[in-house]
Amino acid sequence: MNSFALRAAAAILPLFALAAAAPPAAVTPMTPDVVASYDPVLPEADFIKRVEMVPMRDGTKLYTVIVMKKGTTGGPILLSRTPYDAKGSASRTASQRIVDILPVMDKEFVEDGYIRVYQDIRGMHNSEGRFVMNRPIVGPLNNTGIDESTDAYDTIDWLVKNVPESNGKVGTIGSSYLGFLTLASEINPHPALKAAVPESPMVDGWMGDDWFHNGAFRTGSLDFAQSQSTAKAEGPGIAIGTGDDYTRYLEAGSMADYAARVKIDNVPFVQKLFQNPAYTDFWSLQAVDKWMAAHPLTVPTMLEVGEWDQEDSYGAPAVYRALKDKYEGTPLLHLVIGPWRHSGANHYGYELGALTFNGDTSAQWRSQWMKPFLDHYLKGTPDPRTPAVLTYTSGINRWQESPRWPMGTQTPLFLTSEFGASFDRPSSAGPAARTCSAPAGTRVPSRGPTDYLIRLAPPLHAIGRGLRAASLP
């Protein structure tokens, strides 16, 4: 066949295809221009997406999105439970390619046969039930028999029984609130849960995460509380327009006045914050590091935190400290400290502000350490000998492995009477040597009159240390 004939055949074949298709209904100028639905996933898409309402033990059904590449068999399940819209999490970009529709951090996994699952927690977005912020574990604060641990257990149980493409092994992963939910999945875990990666997890909202930061109320919490508490997290936000928040807060007079002014003082979680400013049982019994310490750790865990996380730099180190006496040096406990903002590990890690790093540090961690860790426990690959502690030292611009954290000898740094800093302990309690302001009822650590140490900002090995700074290794 010559080239002319080939071109003619190419032009005619589409006409035969049109003739073979059923003719569309006749239309007129007044035919309504609305169709019932449109499925954007075309036959050539390289993925399968299913939506299920997964039942919990109390009958509540949770909206769950299951995504995998076509042809997947014997794939491990990577589960993220979220208050931030499972439907949106699995719809990043309208595309026929799985790496486009899912978050950036999922690329390495779904291309290697992982089955990705996102689920709305109860009461949020498309799930049934009632939402409780950081729902306490069953115990002194929760007598319902239902918590995020039981919901994770029931979800995993359903997945391994109803996703035939899976190998029956599940890992949990997520950052921030999702990190809290990942830790919860490890308490009385389902036998199929084989590994967990809690990233920048919310652990203790008073001591250092999200709400109070050791007693200093984080004003942005009000916006978050309102947005998460209204219409299953799909209601309107606070309509404050443009301008400077700090000026608005000063003009209001107090945060209670501000909440009343924007009419969110009736939001239950706003009142939980206002009515509980001190570190009482209200907060201490919700502390996840205490929950983790009280339960055996049976799931290999890779904790992650960003060095410049302004929101949840406390949680991962707090859990590590709570567990290290029992599990340090075992395959069950690992800590990663990377050069990232809050949740930066799941995005691009080339730079942070004026700092430029050696390549995409986020992708480096995911591909060189996190994925081999998960592959070992979920796919049965050889032991990658995951380091006990992995830190990115920005001063020398490289990753370092350590047997424990912190390394080196801790050295106290004291606030002097002239508001300077010194490694020498003051000889007597001057007027500035012991200054503490806390609401009535707050439990303050008992220390000697000159033993108040300056709280350092949290980069590198000092992160999360509270009152003491750790020297570099």
Protein backbone atom coordinates (compact mmCIF):
# COMPACT_ATOMS: atom_id res chain seq x y z
CA MET A 1 0.00 0.00 0.00
CA ASN A 2 1.45 3.35 -1.03
CA SER A 3 1.53 6.47 1.11
CA PHE A 4 -1.53 7.97 -0.59
CA ALA A 5 -3.59 4.89 0.19
CA LEU A 6 -2.43 4.93 3.82
CA ARG A 7 -3.48 8.56 4.21
CA ALA A 8 -6.85 7.86 2.61
CA ALA A 9 -7.49 4.91 4.92
CA ALA A 10 -6.57 7.01 7.94
CA ALA A 11 -9.08 9.66 6.89
CA ILE A 12 -11.90 7.20 6.17
CA LEU A 13 -11.62 4.91 9.24
CA PRO A 14 -12.97 7.53 11.71
CA LEU A 15 -16.01 7.94 9.45
CA PHE A 16 -16.72 4.20 9.70
CA ALA A 17 -16.41 4.46 13.50
CA LEU A 18 -18.95 7.30 13.57
CA ALA A 19 -21.31 5.33 11.35
CA ALA A 20 -21.05 2.29 13.66
CA ALA A 21 -21.89 4.33 16.79
CA ALA A 22 -25.52 4.86 17.75
CA PRO A 23 -26.70 8.18 16.31
CA PRO A 24 -27.34 10.88 18.93
CA ALA A 25 -30.88 12.00 19.60
CA ALA A 26 -32.09 14.79 17.40
CA VAL A 27 -31.81 18.22 18.99
CA THR A 28 -33.64 21.49 18.48
CA PRO A 29 -32.83 25.03 19.63
CA MET A 30 -34.97 24.35 22.72
CA THR A 31 -33.38 21.04 23.72
CA PRO A 32 -32.30 21.47 27.39
CA ASP A 33 -28.53 21.81 27.59
CA VAL A 34 -28.03 19.76 30.76
CA VAL A 35 -26.82 16.19 31.13
CA ALA A 36 -27.33 14.05 34.21
CA SER A 37 -23.66 13.26 34.76
CA TYR A 38 -20.24 12.98 33.22
CA ASP A 39 -17.57 10.46 34.15
CA PRO A 40 -14.17 12.10 33.60
CA VAL A 41 -12.38 8.76 33.86
CA LEU A 42 -11.98 7.51 30.30
CA PRO A 43 -11.33 3.93 29.19
CA GLU A 44 -7.65 4.70 28.60
CA ALA A 45 -7.11 5.77 32.24
CA ASP A 46 -4.26 3.85 33.85
CA PHE A 47 -6.01 3.53 37.21
CA ILE A 48 -9.03 2.08 38.98
CA LYS A 49 -10.89 4.18 41.54
CA ARG A 50 -13.58 2.85 43.85
CA VAL A 51 -15.64 4.63 46.48
CA GLU A 52 -16.99 2.59 49.39
CA MET A 53 -18.93 3.33 52.55
CA VAL A 54 -17.05 1.18 55.04
CA PRO A 55 -19.06 0.14 58.13
CA MET A 56 -17.68 0.58 61.64
CA ARG A 57 -18.59 -1.63 64.59
CA ASP A 58 -21.33 0.77 65.71
CA GLY A 59 -22.92 0.87 62.24
CA THR A 60 -21.48 4.25 61.21
CA LYS A 61 -20.24 4.20 57.61
CA LEU A 62 -17.10 6.04 56.53
CA TYR A 63 -16.46 7.36 53.02
CA THR A 64 -13.42 5.59 51.60
CA VAL A 65 -11.63 6.08 48.27
CA ILE A 66 -9.55 3.18 46.93
CA VAL A 67 -7.15 3.88 44.04
CA MET A 68 -4.69 1.60 42.27
CA LYS A 69 -3.02 1.18 38.93
CA LYS A 70 -4.77 -1.09 36.46
CA GLY A 71 -3.40 -4.61 36.63
CA THR A 72 -2.41 -4.40 40.29
CA THR A 73 -2.31 -7.78 42.04
CA GLY A 74 -0.91 -8.66 45.45
CA GLY A 75 -0.43 -5.00 46.28
CA PRO A 76 0.03 -3.64 49.80
CA ILE A 77 -2.46 -1.07 51.05
CA LEU A 78 -1.29 2.38 52.16
CA LEU A 79 -4.05 4.00 54.24
CA SER A 80 -4.52 7.63 55.22
CA ARG A 81 -7.45 8.57 57.43
CA THR A 82 -8.23 12.28 57.16
CA PRO A 83 -10.51 15.13 58.26
CA TYR A 84 -9.54 17.04 55.11
CA ASP A 85 -11.74 15.44 52.40
CA ALA A 86 -10.81 12.02 51.07
CA LYS A 87 -12.54 12.77 47.77
CA GLY A 88 -10.35 15.82 47.19
CA SER A 89 -7.22 13.97 48.33
CA ALA A 90 -7.67 11.50 45.49
CA SER A 91 -8.52 14.17 42.90
CA ARG A 92 -5.52 16.51 42.78
CA THR A 93 -5.62 17.01 39.02
CA ALA A 94 -8.21 15.86 36.49
CA SER A 95 -6.23 13.31 34.48
CA GLN A 96 -6.13 9.76 33.14
CA ARG A 97 -2.84 9.17 34.98
CA ILE A 98 -2.76 7.96 38.57
CA VAL A 99 0.32 10.02 39.38
CA ASP A 100 -1.63 13.18 38.51
CA ILE A 101 -4.80 12.53 40.47
CA LEU A 102 -3.03 11.58 43.71
CA PRO A 103 -0.76 13.74 45.92
CA VAL A 104 2.89 14.13 44.92
CA MET A 105 4.15 11.85 47.69
CA ASP A 106 2.10 8.91 46.34
CA LYS A 107 3.94 8.67 43.03
CA GLU A 108 6.68 6.28 44.14
CA PHE A 109 4.14 3.98 45.75
CA VAL A 110 1.37 3.65 43.18
CA GLU A 111 3.89 3.15 40.38
CA ASP A 112 5.21 0.20 42.36
CA GLY A 113 1.92 -1.59 42.87
CA TYR A 114 0.69 -0.02 46.11
CA ILE A 115 -3.04 0.43 46.63
CA ARG A 116 -3.73 3.92 47.96
CA VAL A 117 -6.67 4.46 50.30
CA TYR A 118 -8.03 7.73 51.70
CA GLN A 119 -10.88 7.82 54.22
CA ASP A 120 -12.93 10.62 55.77
CA ILE A 121 -13.03 10.16 59.53
CA ARG A 122 -16.44 10.07 61.18
CA GLY A 123 -18.50 13.21 60.96
CA MET A 124 -16.33 14.82 58.28
CA HIS A 125 -17.16 15.54 54.63
CA ASN A 126 -18.84 12.43 53.17
CA SER A 127 -18.66 10.15 56.21
CA GLU A 128 -21.45 9.49 58.66
CA GLY A 129 -21.26 10.07 62.40
CA ARG A 130 -20.31 12.96 64.66
CA PHE A 131 -16.93 14.68 64.63
CA VAL A 132 -14.89 15.19 67.81
CA MET A 133 -11.60 17.08 67.44
CA ASN A 134 -8.73 14.70 68.23
CA ARG A 135 -11.24 12.21 69.62
CA PRO A 136 -9.82 10.85 72.91
CA ILE A 137 -8.99 7.20 73.10
CA VAL A 138 -11.46 4.97 74.95
CA GLY A 139 -10.76 5.53 78.63
CA PRO A 140 -11.30 8.22 81.27
CA LEU A 141 -12.42 10.84 78.73
CA ASN A 142 -14.32 8.53 76.36
CA ASN A 143 -16.75 5.83 77.46
CA THR A 144 -18.36 5.25 74.05
CA GLY A 145 -16.23 2.25 73.07
CA ILE A 146 -15.41 4.06 69.81
CA ASP A 147 -12.27 6.03 69.00
CA GLU A 148 -9.89 6.58 66.10
CA SER A 149 -8.08 3.38 67.01
CA THR A 150 -11.21 1.24 66.71
CA ASP A 151 -12.21 3.00 63.48
CA ALA A 152 -8.77 2.30 62.01
CA TYR A 153 -9.03 -1.34 63.10
CA ASP A 154 -12.47 -1.76 61.53
CA THR A 155 -11.34 -0.04 58.33
CA ILE A 156 -8.28 -2.25 57.96
CA ASP A 157 -10.37 -5.34 58.68
CA TRP A 158 -12.79 -4.39 55.89
CA LEU A 159 -10.04 -3.52 53.42
CA VAL A 160 -8.12 -6.79 53.70
CA LYS A 161 -11.38 -8.72 53.26
CA ASN A 162 -12.84 -6.66 50.41
CA VAL A 163 -9.96 -5.49 48.22
CA PRO A 164 -9.04 -8.62 46.26
CA GLU A 165 -6.05 -6.93 44.60
CA SER A 166 -4.26 -6.58 47.96
CA ASN A 167 -1.74 -8.88 49.64
CA GLY A 168 -3.45 -8.45 53.02
CA LYS A 169 -0.81 -6.10 54.45
CA VAL A 170 -1.54 -2.50 55.40
CA GLY A 171 0.56 0.55 56.28
CA THR A 172 -0.79 3.80 57.71
CA ILE A 173 0.65 7.21 56.93
CA GLY A 174 -0.23 10.88 57.28
CA SER A 175 0.89 14.29 58.46
CA SER A 176 -0.42 16.69 61.12
CA TYR A 177 -3.98 15.62 62.02
CA LEU A 178 -3.39 12.58 59.81
CA GLY A 179 -0.24 11.92 61.85
CA PHE A 180 -2.39 11.84 64.99
CA LEU A 181 -4.69 9.35 63.25
CA THR A 182 -1.71 7.26 62.16
CA LEU A 183 -0.51 6.99 65.76
CA ALA A 184 -4.03 6.07 66.86
CA SER A 185 -4.05 3.20 64.38
CA GLU A 186 -1.12 1.66 66.27
CA ILE A 187 -2.99 1.41 69.58
CA ASN A 188 -4.48 -2.09 69.81
CA PRO A 189 -3.71 -2.47 66.11
CA HIS A 190 -5.26 -4.81 63.58
CA PRO A 191 -2.97 -7.80 62.83
CA ALA A 192 -2.76 -6.71 59.19
CA LEU A 193 -1.20 -3.36 60.15
CA LYS A 194 2.48 -3.97 59.46
CA ALA A 195 4.07 -0.48 59.44
CA ALA A 196 3.25 3.15 60.22
CA VAL A 197 4.70 6.54 59.29
CA PRO A 198 3.30 9.32 61.55
CA GLU A 199 4.46 12.62 60.06
CA SER A 200 4.48 15.81 62.17
CA PRO A 201 1.73 14.27 64.31
CA MET A 202 -0.53 16.26 66.63
CA VAL A 203 0.32 14.73 70.01
CA ASP A 204 -0.25 17.17 72.86
CA GLY A 205 -2.18 20.31 71.93
CA TRP A 206 -1.19 22.16 75.09
CA MET A 207 2.43 21.20 75.58
CA GLY A 208 3.66 21.97 72.10
CA ASP A 209 1.30 21.16 69.26
CA ASP A 210 -1.29 23.38 67.61
CA TRP A 211 -3.33 24.97 70.39
CA PHE A 212 -1.18 26.43 73.16
CA HIS A 213 2.54 25.76 72.57
CA ASN A 214 3.46 25.42 76.25
CA GLY A 215 0.72 27.81 77.35
CA ALA A 216 1.01 30.45 74.62
CA PHE A 217 -2.36 30.38 72.85
CA ARG A 218 -2.03 30.10 69.10
CA THR A 219 -4.56 32.57 67.78
CA GLY A 220 -4.88 30.92 64.37
CA SER A 221 -6.46 27.97 66.16
CA LEU A 222 -9.80 29.79 66.18
CA ASP A 223 -10.01 29.85 62.39
CA PHE A 224 -9.18 26.16 62.23
CA ALA A 225 -11.64 25.27 64.99
CA GLN A 226 -14.45 27.08 63.22
CA SER A 227 -13.73 25.68 59.77
CA GLN A 228 -13.50 22.09 60.97
CA SER A 229 -16.58 22.32 63.15
CA THR A 230 -19.10 23.70 60.65
CA ALA A 231 -21.17 21.62 58.19
CA LYS A 232 -18.83 18.62 58.26
CA ALA A 233 -15.88 20.91 57.46
CA GLU A 234 -17.60 22.21 54.34
CA GLY A 235 -19.19 25.36 55.79
CA PRO A 236 -18.05 28.95 55.27
CA GLY A 237 -14.94 30.29 56.93
CA ILE A 238 -14.66 33.46 59.00
CA ALA A 239 -15.44 36.41 56.70
CA ILE A 240 -12.81 38.92 57.78
CA GLY A 241 -11.63 40.20 54.42
CA THR A 242 -8.09 41.40 53.84
CA GLY A 243 -5.79 43.10 56.31
CA ASP A 244 -3.61 42.22 59.26
CA ASP A 245 -4.82 39.58 61.75
CA TYR A 246 -2.60 40.89 64.53
CA THR A 247 -4.17 44.34 64.27
CA ARG A 248 -7.63 42.77 64.30
CA TYR A 249 -6.81 40.83 67.48
CA LEU A 250 -5.51 43.96 69.22
CA GLU A 251 -8.57 45.93 68.22
CA ALA A 252 -10.87 43.22 69.60
CA GLY A 253 -9.24 43.46 73.04
CA SER A 254 -8.99 39.74 73.79
CA MET A 255 -9.41 36.48 71.95
CA ALA A 256 -12.76 35.95 73.67
CA ASP A 257 -13.87 39.38 72.43
CA TYR A 258 -12.63 38.51 68.96
CA ALA A 259 -14.54 35.19 68.96
CA ALA A 260 -17.71 36.99 70.04
CA ARG A 261 -17.18 39.66 67.40
CA VAL A 262 -16.99 37.16 64.54
CA LYS A 263 -19.73 35.03 66.16
CA ILE A 264 -17.79 31.80 66.67
CA ASP A 265 -17.92 31.78 70.47
CA ASN A 266 -20.67 29.15 70.29
CA VAL A 267 -18.42 26.65 68.47
CA PRO A 268 -17.81 23.79 70.95
CA PHE A 269 -14.09 23.45 70.28
CA VAL A 270 -13.60 27.21 70.66
CA GLN A 271 -15.11 26.86 74.12
CA LYS A 272 -12.92 23.85 74.83
CA LEU A 273 -9.92 26.11 74.22
CA PHE A 274 -11.27 29.05 76.22
CA GLN A 275 -12.48 27.01 79.18
CA ASN A 276 -9.28 24.96 79.49
CA PRO A 277 -6.26 27.29 79.28
CA ALA A 278 -4.29 25.33 81.91
CA TYR A 279 -2.55 21.98 81.56
CA THR A 280 -5.10 19.95 83.49
CA ASP A 281 -6.41 16.42 82.92
CA PHE A 282 -8.48 17.85 80.08
CA TRP A 283 -5.28 18.03 78.02
CA SER A 284 -2.88 15.62 79.73
CA LEU A 285 -5.27 12.69 79.36
CA GLN A 286 -5.49 13.45 75.63
CA ALA A 287 -1.70 13.40 75.18
CA VAL A 288 -0.91 10.77 72.56
CA ASP A 289 2.67 10.22 73.79
CA LYS A 290 1.13 9.03 77.06
CA TRP A 291 -1.28 6.80 75.16
CA MET A 292 1.60 5.28 73.20
CA ALA A 293 3.71 4.72 76.32
CA ALA A 294 0.79 2.92 77.98
CA HIS A 295 0.36 0.42 75.12
CA PRO A 296 2.90 -2.04 73.71
CA LEU A 297 4.45 -0.90 70.45
CA THR A 298 4.02 -3.76 67.99
CA VAL A 299 3.96 -1.88 64.67
CA PRO A 300 7.31 -0.75 63.16
CA THR A 301 7.08 3.04 63.28
CA MET A 302 8.97 5.78 61.43
CA LEU A 303 8.26 9.11 63.15
CA GLU A 304 8.94 12.23 61.06
CA VAL A 305 9.18 15.92 61.93
CA GLY A 306 10.33 19.07 60.13
CA GLU A 307 13.09 21.15 61.68
CA TRP A 308 11.15 24.34 60.93
CA ASP A 309 7.65 23.11 61.65
CA GLN A 310 5.91 26.05 63.32
CA GLU A 311 2.86 23.96 64.15
CA ASP A 312 3.72 20.42 65.25
CA SER A 313 7.42 20.26 66.05
CA TYR A 314 6.62 18.80 69.46
CA GLY A 315 4.73 15.62 68.66
CA ALA A 316 7.16 13.24 66.95
CA PRO A 317 10.05 13.91 69.39
CA ALA A 318 7.62 13.57 72.33
CA VAL A 319 6.50 10.14 71.13
CA TYR A 320 10.10 9.14 70.51
CA ARG A 321 11.07 10.15 74.05
CA ALA A 322 8.10 8.27 75.47
CA LEU A 323 9.10 5.06 73.68
CA LYS A 324 12.88 5.11 73.39
CA ASP A 325 13.68 3.53 76.77
CA LYS A 326 11.83 0.37 75.69
CA TYR A 327 12.33 0.38 71.95
CA GLU A 328 15.44 2.42 71.10
CA GLY A 329 17.70 0.36 68.88
CA THR A 330 14.93 -2.06 67.87
CA PRO A 331 13.33 -2.27 64.42
CA LEU A 332 10.12 -0.87 65.94
CA LEU A 333 11.20 2.76 66.48
CA HIS A 334 12.76 5.25 64.06
CA LEU A 335 12.92 9.06 63.99
CA VAL A 336 13.44 11.33 60.97
CA ILE A 337 14.19 15.06 61.34
CA GLY A 338 14.17 16.80 57.96
CA PRO A 339 14.72 20.39 56.74
CA TRP A 340 11.04 21.12 56.20
CA ARG A 341 8.11 23.33 57.14
CA HIS A 342 4.93 21.78 58.48
CA SER A 343 4.09 18.75 56.30
CA GLY A 344 6.93 19.73 53.96
CA ALA A 345 8.04 16.11 53.74
CA ASN A 346 5.11 15.44 51.43
CA HIS A 347 5.86 18.22 48.98
CA TYR A 348 9.02 19.53 47.28
CA GLY A 349 12.09 19.90 49.46
CA TYR A 350 14.57 21.81 47.34
CA GLU A 351 14.59 24.88 49.54
CA LEU A 352 13.11 26.65 52.51
CA GLY A 353 13.10 30.44 52.38
CA ALA A 354 16.66 31.55 51.70
CA LEU A 355 18.06 28.05 52.29
CA THR A 356 18.76 25.85 49.27
CA PHE A 357 19.47 22.17 49.81
CA ASN A 358 21.24 19.45 47.86
CA GLY A 359 18.32 18.37 45.71
CA ASP A 360 14.76 17.55 46.68
CA THR A 361 15.24 16.47 50.30
CA SER A 362 11.60 15.38 50.60
CA ALA A 363 11.85 13.05 47.62
CA GLN A 364 15.21 11.81 48.92
CA TRP A 365 13.67 10.76 52.22
CA ARG A 366 10.64 9.16 50.61
CA SER A 367 12.60 7.17 48.02
CA GLN A 368 15.78 6.31 49.93
CA TRP A 369 14.43 5.61 53.41
CA MET A 370 10.65 5.70 53.81
CA LYS A 371 9.67 3.55 50.84
CA PRO A 372 12.32 0.86 51.51
CA PHE A 373 11.09 0.79 55.13
CA LEU A 374 7.50 0.26 54.00
CA ASP A 375 8.51 -2.14 51.21
CA HIS A 376 10.24 -4.38 53.74
CA TYR A 377 7.20 -4.74 55.99
CA LEU A 378 4.46 -4.55 53.35
CA LYS A 379 6.07 -6.29 50.37
CA GLY A 380 8.63 -8.58 51.99
CA THR A 381 11.70 -6.98 50.39
CA PRO A 382 15.11 -7.40 52.08
CA ASP A 383 15.73 -5.49 55.31
CA PRO A 384 16.99 -2.02 54.32
CA ARG A 385 18.50 -1.57 57.80
CA THR A 386 16.60 1.65 58.39
CA PRO A 387 18.64 3.92 60.68
CA ALA A 388 17.33 4.46 64.19
CA VAL A 389 17.61 8.23 63.65
CA LEU A 390 17.98 10.14 60.40
CA THR A 391 18.59 13.90 60.43
CA TYR A 392 19.32 16.45 57.75
CA THR A 393 22.03 18.77 59.01
CA SER A 394 21.49 21.97 57.09
CA GLY A 395 24.86 23.43 58.15
CA ILE A 396 26.72 20.81 56.13
CA ASN A 397 23.81 20.16 53.77
CA ARG A 398 23.57 16.39 54.07
CA TRP A 399 21.71 13.53 55.72
CA GLN A 400 23.25 11.88 58.78
CA GLU A 401 22.41 8.60 60.50
CA SER A 402 22.60 8.19 64.27
CA PRO A 403 21.95 5.33 66.72
CA ARG A 404 19.82 7.50 69.01
CA TRP A 405 18.48 11.01 69.57
CA PRO A 406 19.70 13.37 70.81
CA MET A 407 23.37 12.57 70.33
CA GLY A 408 26.11 14.17 72.39
CA THR A 409 25.91 15.53 75.91
CA GLN A 410 23.11 17.88 76.88
CA THR A 411 24.35 21.20 78.19
CA PRO A 412 22.09 23.56 80.18
CA LEU A 413 21.86 27.12 78.87
CA PHE A 414 20.75 29.67 81.49
CA LEU A 415 18.96 32.98 81.19
CA THR A 416 20.95 35.60 83.07
CA SER A 417 19.64 38.51 85.13
CA GLU A 418 20.55 40.85 82.23
CA PHE A 419 18.47 38.77 79.80
CA GLY A 420 21.53 37.25 78.22
CA ALA A 421 22.40 33.56 77.94
CA SER A 422 25.17 31.69 79.71
CA PHE A 423 26.36 28.12 80.19
CA ASP A 424 27.28 29.07 83.79
CA ARG A 425 24.58 28.54 86.40
CA PRO A 426 23.71 31.84 88.14
CA SER A 427 25.00 31.98 91.70
CA SER A 428 21.69 33.30 93.07
CA ALA A 429 18.14 33.92 91.99
CA GLY A 430 18.10 37.43 90.57
CA PRO A 431 14.92 39.20 89.56
CA ALA A 432 14.97 37.65 86.08
CA ALA A 433 16.33 34.24 87.05
CA ARG A 434 12.90 32.76 87.77
CA THR A 435 10.01 34.22 85.82
CA CYS A 436 6.96 32.16 85.05
CA SER A 437 3.46 33.16 84.08
CA ALA A 438 0.81 30.48 83.91
CA PRO A 439 -2.94 30.24 84.46
CA ALA A 440 -4.16 29.01 87.84
CA GLY A 441 -4.14 25.24 87.98
CA THR A 442 -1.29 24.79 85.51
CA ARG A 443 1.23 22.16 86.51
CA VAL A 444 4.69 23.71 86.15
CA PRO A 445 7.74 21.41 86.39
CA SER A 446 9.33 21.74 89.82
CA ARG A 447 12.85 23.14 89.56
CA GLY A 448 15.31 24.94 91.74
CA PRO A 449 15.21 28.74 91.97
CA THR A 450 17.93 29.20 89.38
CA ASP A 451 17.19 26.22 87.19
CA TYR A 452 14.95 27.84 84.58
CA LEU A 453 16.60 27.31 81.24
CA ILE A 454 16.06 29.30 78.12
CA ARG A 455 13.75 27.66 75.58
CA LEU A 456 15.56 27.55 72.29
CA ALA A 457 13.93 27.57 68.87
CA PRO A 458 13.76 24.03 67.54
CA PRO A 459 16.17 23.54 64.64
CA LEU A 460 18.18 20.30 64.44
CA HIS A 461 18.86 18.20 67.52
CA ALA A 462 17.34 20.65 69.99
CA ILE A 463 13.90 20.18 68.47
CA GLY A 464 11.19 19.34 70.94
CA ARG A 465 13.54 19.30 73.92
CA GLY A 466 11.43 21.74 75.92
CA LEU A 467 13.64 23.26 78.61
CA ARG A 468 17.01 21.78 77.65
CA ALA A 469 19.08 22.22 74.52
CA ALA A 470 21.06 19.30 73.11
CA SER A 471 24.57 19.84 71.78
CA LEU A 472 25.39 18.74 68.25
CA PRO A 473 26.95 15.31 67.84
